[in-house]
Amino acid sequence: MISRLYKLYLHRRIMRNRDSIPGHITLVLSESGLLTSDGYKSLQSTVDICRELGIQMISIYVDILDTENRLKQEVACRLIADLERMVSRLSYSPKLKIYSLDGELYKEVDGSVPEIFFSAGFGGRDEITKAVRSILGDVEKGRVKVEEIDENILESRLMLQNEPDVVIRAGGRNLSDFLIWQSVYSELFFTDINWSDIRDIDVLRIIRDYQMRQRRFGR
């Protein structure tokens, strides 16, 4: 009963400051934290909260720890399949983009907000490397001149151009390399508990904390 009242209190406090609600939240999760029934239950609940608050985008990166490529592929396939099942249970149809382990677009579905961007094991270093190779390919074909290359061209080749306002690292203190280009000015939050143990009030507390921060954007 107390937790329900506190959740309602946090929700109301957040909605009183609608202009400072983040537009884009990034979740950095481990495979062990997500590959449980509670892990996807927490994720579904977080997506619901974002929809209620009017948050436009949720980007999700799952860090796959296996080093052997075959095992990584198996884990990535399971993560994607479980995500699709979770989305199918929602009472609404969010816009969805799913990227596979090699950074290729696996599935895209048009829908409502929040938009869900999901990457299974394809991190930021891989993303930037792929973008640079794409630019070099266009240079070789004469489509792009070397002197024309700038940060705007690089950003246009990234999987996601939208910069996250909030990055939540669940169950760890180490940053991942996901969205390392896009998240340079993001507000970072680390949780002491694993994702499978995250509660609605934990997510709401982070959003409320974000609202009270003075963002400096590197200044």
C-alpha atoms as a PDB file:
ATOM      1  CA  MET A   1       0.000   0.000   0.000  1.00  0.00           C
ATOM      2  CA  ILE A   2       2.787   2.430   0.956  1.00  0.00           C
ATOM      3  CA  SER A   3       4.753   1.670  -2.220  1.00  0.00           C
ATOM      4  CA  ARG A   4       1.646   2.291  -4.343  1.00  0.00           C
ATOM      5  CA  LEU A   5       1.090   5.653  -2.684  1.00  0.00           C
ATOM      6  CA  TYR A   6       4.746   6.579  -3.130  1.00  0.00           C
ATOM      7  CA  LYS A   7       4.596   5.598  -6.803  1.00  0.00           C
ATOM      8  CA  LEU A   8       1.544   7.823  -7.255  1.00  0.00           C
ATOM      9  CA  TYR A   9       3.327  10.661  -5.439  1.00  0.00           C
ATOM     10  CA  LEU A  10       6.390  10.399  -7.702  1.00  0.00           C
ATOM     11  CA  HIS A  11       4.234  10.222 -10.811  1.00  0.00           C
ATOM     12  CA  ARG A  12       2.369  13.393  -9.853  1.00  0.00           C
ATOM     13  CA  ARG A  13       5.584  15.254  -9.003  1.00  0.00           C
ATOM     14  CA  ILE A  14       7.041  14.349 -12.387  1.00  0.00           C
ATOM     15  CA  MET A  15       3.922  15.414 -14.275  1.00  0.00           C
ATOM     16  CA  ARG A  16       3.939  18.810 -12.557  1.00  0.00           C
ATOM     17  CA  ASN A  17       7.151  19.551 -14.471  1.00  0.00           C
ATOM     18  CA  ARG A  18       6.256  18.220 -17.897  1.00  0.00           C
ATOM     19  CA  ASP A  19       8.782  20.445 -19.666  1.00  0.00           C
ATOM     20  CA  SER A  20      11.664  18.699 -17.889  1.00  0.00           C
ATOM     21  CA  ILE A  21      10.548  15.124 -18.572  1.00  0.00           C
ATOM     22  CA  PRO A  22      13.289  13.423 -20.627  1.00  0.00           C
ATOM     23  CA  GLY A  23      12.489  12.741 -24.254  1.00  0.00           C
ATOM     24  CA  HIS A  24      14.849   9.798 -24.639  1.00  0.00           C
ATOM     25  CA  ILE A  25      15.898   7.227 -22.045  1.00  0.00           C
ATOM     26  CA  THR A  26      18.610   4.630 -22.626  1.00  0.00           C
ATOM     27  CA  LEU A  27      18.740   1.364 -20.686  1.00  0.00           C
ATOM     28  CA  VAL A  28      22.038  -0.524 -20.525  1.00  0.00           C
ATOM     29  CA  LEU A  29      21.353  -4.061 -19.344  1.00  0.00           C
ATOM     30  CA  SER A  30      23.221  -7.318 -18.957  1.00  0.00           C
ATOM     31  CA  GLU A  31      21.941 -10.493 -20.551  1.00  0.00           C
ATOM     32  CA  SER A  32      21.654 -12.131 -17.115  1.00  0.00           C
ATOM     33  CA  GLY A  33      19.523  -9.253 -15.870  1.00  0.00           C
ATOM     34  CA  LEU A  34      17.107  -9.426 -18.777  1.00  0.00           C
ATOM     35  CA  LEU A  35      16.902 -13.133 -19.599  1.00  0.00           C
ATOM     36  CA  THR A  36      14.483 -13.859 -16.778  1.00  0.00           C
ATOM     37  CA  SER A  37      10.732 -13.544 -16.520  1.00  0.00           C
ATOM     38  CA  ASP A  38      11.203 -10.701 -14.036  1.00  0.00           C
ATOM     39  CA  GLY A  39      13.658  -8.988 -16.388  1.00  0.00           C
ATOM     40  CA  TYR A  40      11.133  -8.639 -19.179  1.00  0.00           C
ATOM     41  CA  LYS A  41       8.395  -7.864 -16.675  1.00  0.00           C
ATOM     42  CA  SER A  42      10.481  -4.900 -15.463  1.00  0.00           C
ATOM     43  CA  LEU A  43      11.128  -3.843 -19.043  1.00  0.00           C
ATOM     44  CA  GLN A  44       7.452  -3.967 -19.966  1.00  0.00           C
ATOM     45  CA  SER A  45       6.563  -1.947 -16.883  1.00  0.00           C
ATOM     46  CA  THR A  46       9.240   0.636 -17.741  1.00  0.00           C
ATOM     47  CA  VAL A  47       7.892   0.973 -21.283  1.00  0.00           C
ATOM     48  CA  ASP A  48       4.414   1.514 -19.813  1.00  0.00           C
ATOM     49  CA  ILE A  49       5.747   4.228 -17.487  1.00  0.00           C
ATOM     50  CA  CYS A  50       7.472   5.996 -20.370  1.00  0.00           C
ATOM     51  CA  ARG A  51       4.252   5.949 -22.363  1.00  0.00           C
ATOM     52  CA  GLU A  52       2.281   7.371 -19.436  1.00  0.00           C
ATOM     53  CA  LEU A  53       4.812  10.192 -19.006  1.00  0.00           C
ATOM     54  CA  GLY A  54       5.000  10.992 -22.712  1.00  0.00           C
ATOM     55  CA  ILE A  55       8.636   9.937 -23.134  1.00  0.00           C
ATOM     56  CA  GLN A  56       9.237   9.626 -26.859  1.00  0.00           C
ATOM     57  CA  MET A  57      12.012   7.042 -27.086  1.00  0.00           C
ATOM     58  CA  ILE A  58      13.536   4.154 -25.164  1.00  0.00           C
ATOM     59  CA  SER A  59      16.804   2.745 -26.469  1.00  0.00           C
ATOM     60  CA  ILE A  60      17.863  -0.581 -24.994  1.00  0.00           C
ATOM     61  CA  TYR A  61      21.280  -2.180 -25.194  1.00  0.00           C
ATOM     62  CA  VAL A  62      21.944  -5.662 -23.868  1.00  0.00           C
ATOM     63  CA  ASP A  63      25.563  -6.473 -23.119  1.00  0.00           C
ATOM     64  CA  ILE A  64      26.277 -10.073 -24.141  1.00  0.00           C
ATOM     65  CA  LEU A  65      29.176 -11.461 -22.127  1.00  0.00           C
ATOM     66  CA  ASP A  66      29.910 -14.632 -24.098  1.00  0.00           C
ATOM     67  CA  THR A  67      33.058 -14.242 -26.186  1.00  0.00           C
ATOM     68  CA  GLU A  68      32.466 -17.184 -28.523  1.00  0.00           C
ATOM     69  CA  ASN A  69      30.568 -15.949 -31.569  1.00  0.00           C
ATOM     70  CA  ARG A  70      28.176 -18.903 -31.865  1.00  0.00           C
ATOM     71  CA  LEU A  71      27.060 -18.511 -28.247  1.00  0.00           C
ATOM     72  CA  LYS A  72      26.656 -14.759 -28.692  1.00  0.00           C
ATOM     73  CA  GLN A  73      24.446 -15.359 -31.714  1.00  0.00           C
ATOM     74  CA  GLU A  74      22.270 -17.781 -29.752  1.00  0.00           C
ATOM     75  CA  VAL A  75      21.864 -15.315 -26.882  1.00  0.00           C
ATOM     76  CA  ALA A  76      21.096 -12.442 -29.268  1.00  0.00           C
ATOM     77  CA  CYS A  77      18.416 -14.495 -31.029  1.00  0.00           C
ATOM     78  CA  ARG A  78      16.806 -15.377 -27.711  1.00  0.00           C
ATOM     79  CA  LEU A  79      16.872 -11.752 -26.545  1.00  0.00           C
ATOM     80  CA  ILE A  80      15.187 -10.600 -29.745  1.00  0.00           C
ATOM     81  CA  ALA A  81      12.554 -13.348 -29.616  1.00  0.00           C
ATOM     82  CA  ASP A  82      11.724 -12.540 -25.986  1.00  0.00           C
ATOM     83  CA  LEU A  83      11.471  -8.833 -26.797  1.00  0.00           C
ATOM     84  CA  GLU A  84       9.052  -9.523 -29.640  1.00  0.00           C
ATOM     85  CA  ARG A  85       6.887 -11.600 -27.291  1.00  0.00           C
ATOM     86  CA  MET A  86       6.919  -8.798 -24.737  1.00  0.00           C
ATOM     87  CA  VAL A  87       5.889  -6.196 -27.325  1.00  0.00           C
ATOM     88  CA  SER A  88       3.076  -8.454 -28.547  1.00  0.00           C
ATOM     89  CA  ARG A  89       1.611  -8.438 -25.017  1.00  0.00           C
ATOM     90  CA  LEU A  90       1.387  -4.650 -24.836  1.00  0.00           C
ATOM     91  CA  SER A  91      -2.064  -3.097 -25.113  1.00  0.00           C
ATOM     92  CA  TYR A  92      -0.666  -0.612 -27.662  1.00  0.00           C
ATOM     93  CA  SER A  93       1.679  -0.898 -30.640  1.00  0.00           C
ATOM     94  CA  PRO A  94       4.909   1.073 -30.165  1.00  0.00           C
ATOM     95  CA  LYS A  95       7.226   2.022 -32.975  1.00  0.00           C
ATOM     96  CA  LEU A  96       9.980  -0.574 -32.968  1.00  0.00           C
ATOM     97  CA  LYS A  97      13.491  -0.983 -34.366  1.00  0.00           C
ATOM     98  CA  ILE A  98      15.514  -4.095 -33.561  1.00  0.00           C
ATOM     99  CA  TYR A  99      19.177  -4.453 -34.484  1.00  0.00           C
ATOM    100  CA  SER A 100      20.945  -7.799 -34.515  1.00  0.00           C
ATOM    101  CA  LEU A 101      24.401  -8.726 -33.231  1.00  0.00           C
ATOM    102  CA  ASP A 102      26.069  -7.568 -36.464  1.00  0.00           C
ATOM    103  CA  GLY A 103      24.355  -4.174 -36.370  1.00  0.00           C
ATOM    104  CA  GLU A 104      21.950  -4.900 -39.201  1.00  0.00           C
ATOM    105  CA  LEU A 105      18.315  -3.849 -38.950  1.00  0.00           C
ATOM    106  CA  TYR A 106      16.445  -7.034 -38.062  1.00  0.00           C
ATOM    107  CA  LYS A 107      12.942  -5.633 -37.770  1.00  0.00           C
ATOM    108  CA  GLU A 108      11.166  -2.295 -38.051  1.00  0.00           C
ATOM    109  CA  VAL A 109       7.541  -1.675 -37.130  1.00  0.00           C
ATOM    110  CA  ASP A 110       5.707   1.630 -37.352  1.00  0.00           C
ATOM    111  CA  GLY A 111       3.562   2.556 -34.399  1.00  0.00           C
ATOM    112  CA  SER A 112       2.952   4.947 -31.533  1.00  0.00           C
ATOM    113  CA  VAL A 113       5.231   6.378 -28.863  1.00  0.00           C
ATOM    114  CA  PRO A 114       7.341   5.449 -27.122  1.00  0.00           C
ATOM    115  CA  GLU A 115       9.629   4.294 -29.905  1.00  0.00           C
ATOM    116  CA  ILE A 116      11.652   1.267 -28.813  1.00  0.00           C
ATOM    117  CA  PHE A 117      15.181   0.919 -30.177  1.00  0.00           C
ATOM    118  CA  PHE A 118      16.780  -2.423 -29.283  1.00  0.00           C
ATOM    119  CA  SER A 119      20.366  -3.541 -29.863  1.00  0.00           C
ATOM    120  CA  ALA A 120      21.399  -7.073 -28.952  1.00  0.00           C
ATOM    121  CA  GLY A 121      25.135  -6.902 -28.316  1.00  0.00           C
ATOM    122  CA  PHE A 122      26.093  -4.375 -31.012  1.00  0.00           C
ATOM    123  CA  GLY A 123      27.894  -1.605 -29.137  1.00  0.00           C
ATOM    124  CA  GLY A 124      29.131   1.891 -29.817  1.00  0.00           C
ATOM    125  CA  ARG A 125      32.640   1.039 -31.006  1.00  0.00           C
ATOM    126  CA  ASP A 126      31.165  -1.352 -33.547  1.00  0.00           C
ATOM    127  CA  GLU A 127      28.647   1.301 -34.567  1.00  0.00           C
ATOM    128  CA  ILE A 128      31.310   3.960 -35.183  1.00  0.00           C
ATOM    129  CA  THR A 129      33.564   1.489 -37.010  1.00  0.00           C
ATOM    130  CA  LYS A 130      30.683   0.549 -39.295  1.00  0.00           C
ATOM    131  CA  ALA A 131      29.882   4.222 -39.921  1.00  0.00           C
ATOM    132  CA  VAL A 132      33.509   5.003 -40.843  1.00  0.00           C
ATOM    133  CA  ARG A 133      33.638   2.058 -43.238  1.00  0.00           C
ATOM    134  CA  SER A 134      30.442   3.288 -44.865  1.00  0.00           C
ATOM    135  CA  ILE A 135      31.937   6.754 -45.372  1.00  0.00           C
ATOM    136  CA  LEU A 136      35.186   5.328 -46.761  1.00  0.00           C
ATOM    137  CA  GLY A 137      33.164   3.237 -49.196  1.00  0.00           C
ATOM    138  CA  ASP A 138      31.425   6.362 -50.478  1.00  0.00           C
ATOM    139  CA  VAL A 139      34.774   8.168 -50.765  1.00  0.00           C
ATOM    140  CA  GLU A 140      36.119   5.348 -52.940  1.00  0.00           C
ATOM    141  CA  LYS A 141      33.017   5.549 -55.151  1.00  0.00           C
ATOM    142  CA  GLY A 142      33.313   9.321 -55.457  1.00  0.00           C
ATOM    143  CA  ARG A 143      30.064  10.034 -53.630  1.00  0.00           C
ATOM    144  CA  VAL A 144      31.780  11.894 -50.782  1.00  0.00           C
ATOM    145  CA  LYS A 145      34.905  14.061 -50.883  1.00  0.00           C
ATOM    146  CA  VAL A 146      37.423  13.729 -48.054  1.00  0.00           C
ATOM    147  CA  GLU A 147      37.198  17.443 -47.247  1.00  0.00           C
ATOM    148  CA  GLU A 148      33.414  17.100 -46.849  1.00  0.00           C
ATOM    149  CA  ILE A 149      33.689  14.619 -43.988  1.00  0.00           C
ATOM    150  CA  ASP A 150      32.587  16.143 -40.689  1.00  0.00           C
ATOM    151  CA  GLU A 151      30.675  15.106 -37.588  1.00  0.00           C
ATOM    152  CA  ASN A 152      27.338  15.580 -39.345  1.00  0.00           C
ATOM    153  CA  ILE A 153      28.249  13.020 -42.001  1.00  0.00           C
ATOM    154  CA  LEU A 154      29.440  10.589 -39.347  1.00  0.00           C
ATOM    155  CA  GLU A 155      26.263  11.045 -37.306  1.00  0.00           C
ATOM    156  CA  SER A 156      24.141  10.388 -40.384  1.00  0.00           C
ATOM    157  CA  ARG A 157      25.696   6.910 -40.677  1.00  0.00           C
ATOM    158  CA  LEU A 158      25.022   5.885 -37.069  1.00  0.00           C
ATOM    159  CA  MET A 159      22.183   3.514 -36.216  1.00  0.00           C
ATOM    160  CA  LEU A 160      20.606   6.113 -33.963  1.00  0.00           C
ATOM    161  CA  GLN A 161      21.010   9.886 -34.264  1.00  0.00           C
ATOM    162  CA  ASN A 162      18.787  10.746 -31.308  1.00  0.00           C
ATOM    163  CA  GLU A 163      20.811  11.746 -28.215  1.00  0.00           C
ATOM    164  CA  PRO A 164      19.612  10.229 -24.927  1.00  0.00           C
ATOM    165  CA  ASP A 165      18.791  12.552 -22.051  1.00  0.00           C
ATOM    166  CA  VAL A 166      19.148   9.773 -19.486  1.00  0.00           C
ATOM    167  CA  VAL A 167      21.347   6.663 -19.471  1.00  0.00           C
ATOM    168  CA  ILE A 168      20.493   4.034 -16.853  1.00  0.00           C
ATOM    169  CA  ARG A 169      23.127   1.372 -16.179  1.00  0.00           C
ATOM    170  CA  ALA A 170      21.457  -1.428 -14.257  1.00  0.00           C
ATOM    171  CA  GLY A 171      23.422  -3.523 -11.778  1.00  0.00           C
ATOM    172  CA  GLY A 172      26.863  -2.112 -12.451  1.00  0.00           C
ATOM    173  CA  ARG A 173      29.220   0.825 -12.127  1.00  0.00           C
ATOM    174  CA  ASN A 174      31.027   0.454 -15.427  1.00  0.00           C
ATOM    175  CA  LEU A 175      29.857   2.303 -18.505  1.00  0.00           C
ATOM    176  CA  SER A 176      29.202   0.315 -21.630  1.00  0.00           C
ATOM    177  CA  ASP A 177      30.205   1.641 -25.036  1.00  0.00           C
ATOM    178  CA  PHE A 178      26.604   1.830 -26.270  1.00  0.00           C
ATOM    179  CA  LEU A 179      25.803   5.176 -27.939  1.00  0.00           C
ATOM    180  CA  ILE A 180      29.222   6.534 -26.935  1.00  0.00           C
ATOM    181  CA  TRP A 181      28.957   9.246 -29.587  1.00  0.00           C
ATOM    182  CA  GLN A 182      25.354  10.179 -28.813  1.00  0.00           C
ATOM    183  CA  SER A 183      25.497  10.056 -24.999  1.00  0.00           C
ATOM    184  CA  VAL A 184      28.434  12.396 -24.385  1.00  0.00           C
ATOM    185  CA  TYR A 185      26.160  14.931 -22.629  1.00  0.00           C
ATOM    186  CA  SER A 186      23.631  12.481 -21.189  1.00  0.00           C
ATOM    187  CA  GLU A 187      22.825  12.290 -17.493  1.00  0.00           C
ATOM    188  CA  LEU A 188      24.115   8.988 -16.092  1.00  0.00           C
ATOM    189  CA  PHE A 189      22.417   6.879 -13.444  1.00  0.00           C
ATOM    190  CA  PHE A 190      23.773   3.647 -11.949  1.00  0.00           C
ATOM    191  CA  THR A 191      21.648   1.212  -9.960  1.00  0.00           C
ATOM    192  CA  ASP A 192      22.981  -1.079  -7.237  1.00  0.00           C
ATOM    193  CA  ILE A 193      20.424  -3.751  -8.071  1.00  0.00           C
ATOM    194  CA  ASN A 194      20.110  -5.930 -11.145  1.00  0.00           C
ATOM    195  CA  TRP A 195      17.535  -5.115 -13.780  1.00  0.00           C
ATOM    196  CA  SER A 196      15.323  -8.057 -12.812  1.00  0.00           C
ATOM    197  CA  ASP A 197      14.881  -6.443  -9.361  1.00  0.00           C
ATOM    198  CA  ILE A 198      14.103  -2.940 -10.638  1.00  0.00           C
ATOM    199  CA  ARG A 199      10.767  -1.579  -9.437  1.00  0.00           C
ATOM    200  CA  ASP A 200       8.537   1.102 -10.911  1.00  0.00           C
ATOM    201  CA  ILE A 201       9.470   3.471  -8.098  1.00  0.00           C
ATOM    202  CA  ASP A 202      13.168   3.054  -8.958  1.00  0.00           C
ATOM    203  CA  VAL A 203      12.516   4.185 -12.534  1.00  0.00           C
ATOM    204  CA  LEU A 204      10.317   7.060 -11.369  1.00  0.00           C
ATOM    205  CA  ARG A 205      12.960   8.166  -8.850  1.00  0.00           C
ATOM    206  CA  ILE A 206      15.560   8.355 -11.609  1.00  0.00           C
ATOM    207  CA  ILE A 207      13.273  10.440 -13.798  1.00  0.00           C
ATOM    208  CA  ARG A 208      12.473  12.734 -10.870  1.00  0.00           C
ATOM    209  CA  ASP A 209      16.175  13.042 -10.036  1.00  0.00           C
ATOM    210  CA  TYR A 210      16.874  13.946 -13.663  1.00  0.00           C
ATOM    211  CA  GLN A 211      14.281  16.722 -13.485  1.00  0.00           C
ATOM    212  CA  MET A 212      16.073  18.259 -10.506  1.00  0.00           C
ATOM    213  CA  ARG A 213      19.527  18.219 -12.102  1.00  0.00           C
ATOM    214  CA  GLN A 214      21.082  21.253 -13.750  1.00  0.00           C
ATOM    215  CA  ARG A 215      22.323  20.000 -17.103  1.00  0.00           C
ATOM    216  CA  ARG A 216      25.551  21.635 -18.283  1.00  0.00           C
ATOM    217  CA  PHE A 217      26.104  19.871 -21.638  1.00  0.00           C
ATOM    218  CA  GLY A 218      29.862  19.705 -21.103  1.00  0.00           C
ATOM    219  CA  ARG A 219      30.245  23.295 -19.916  1.00  0.00           C
END
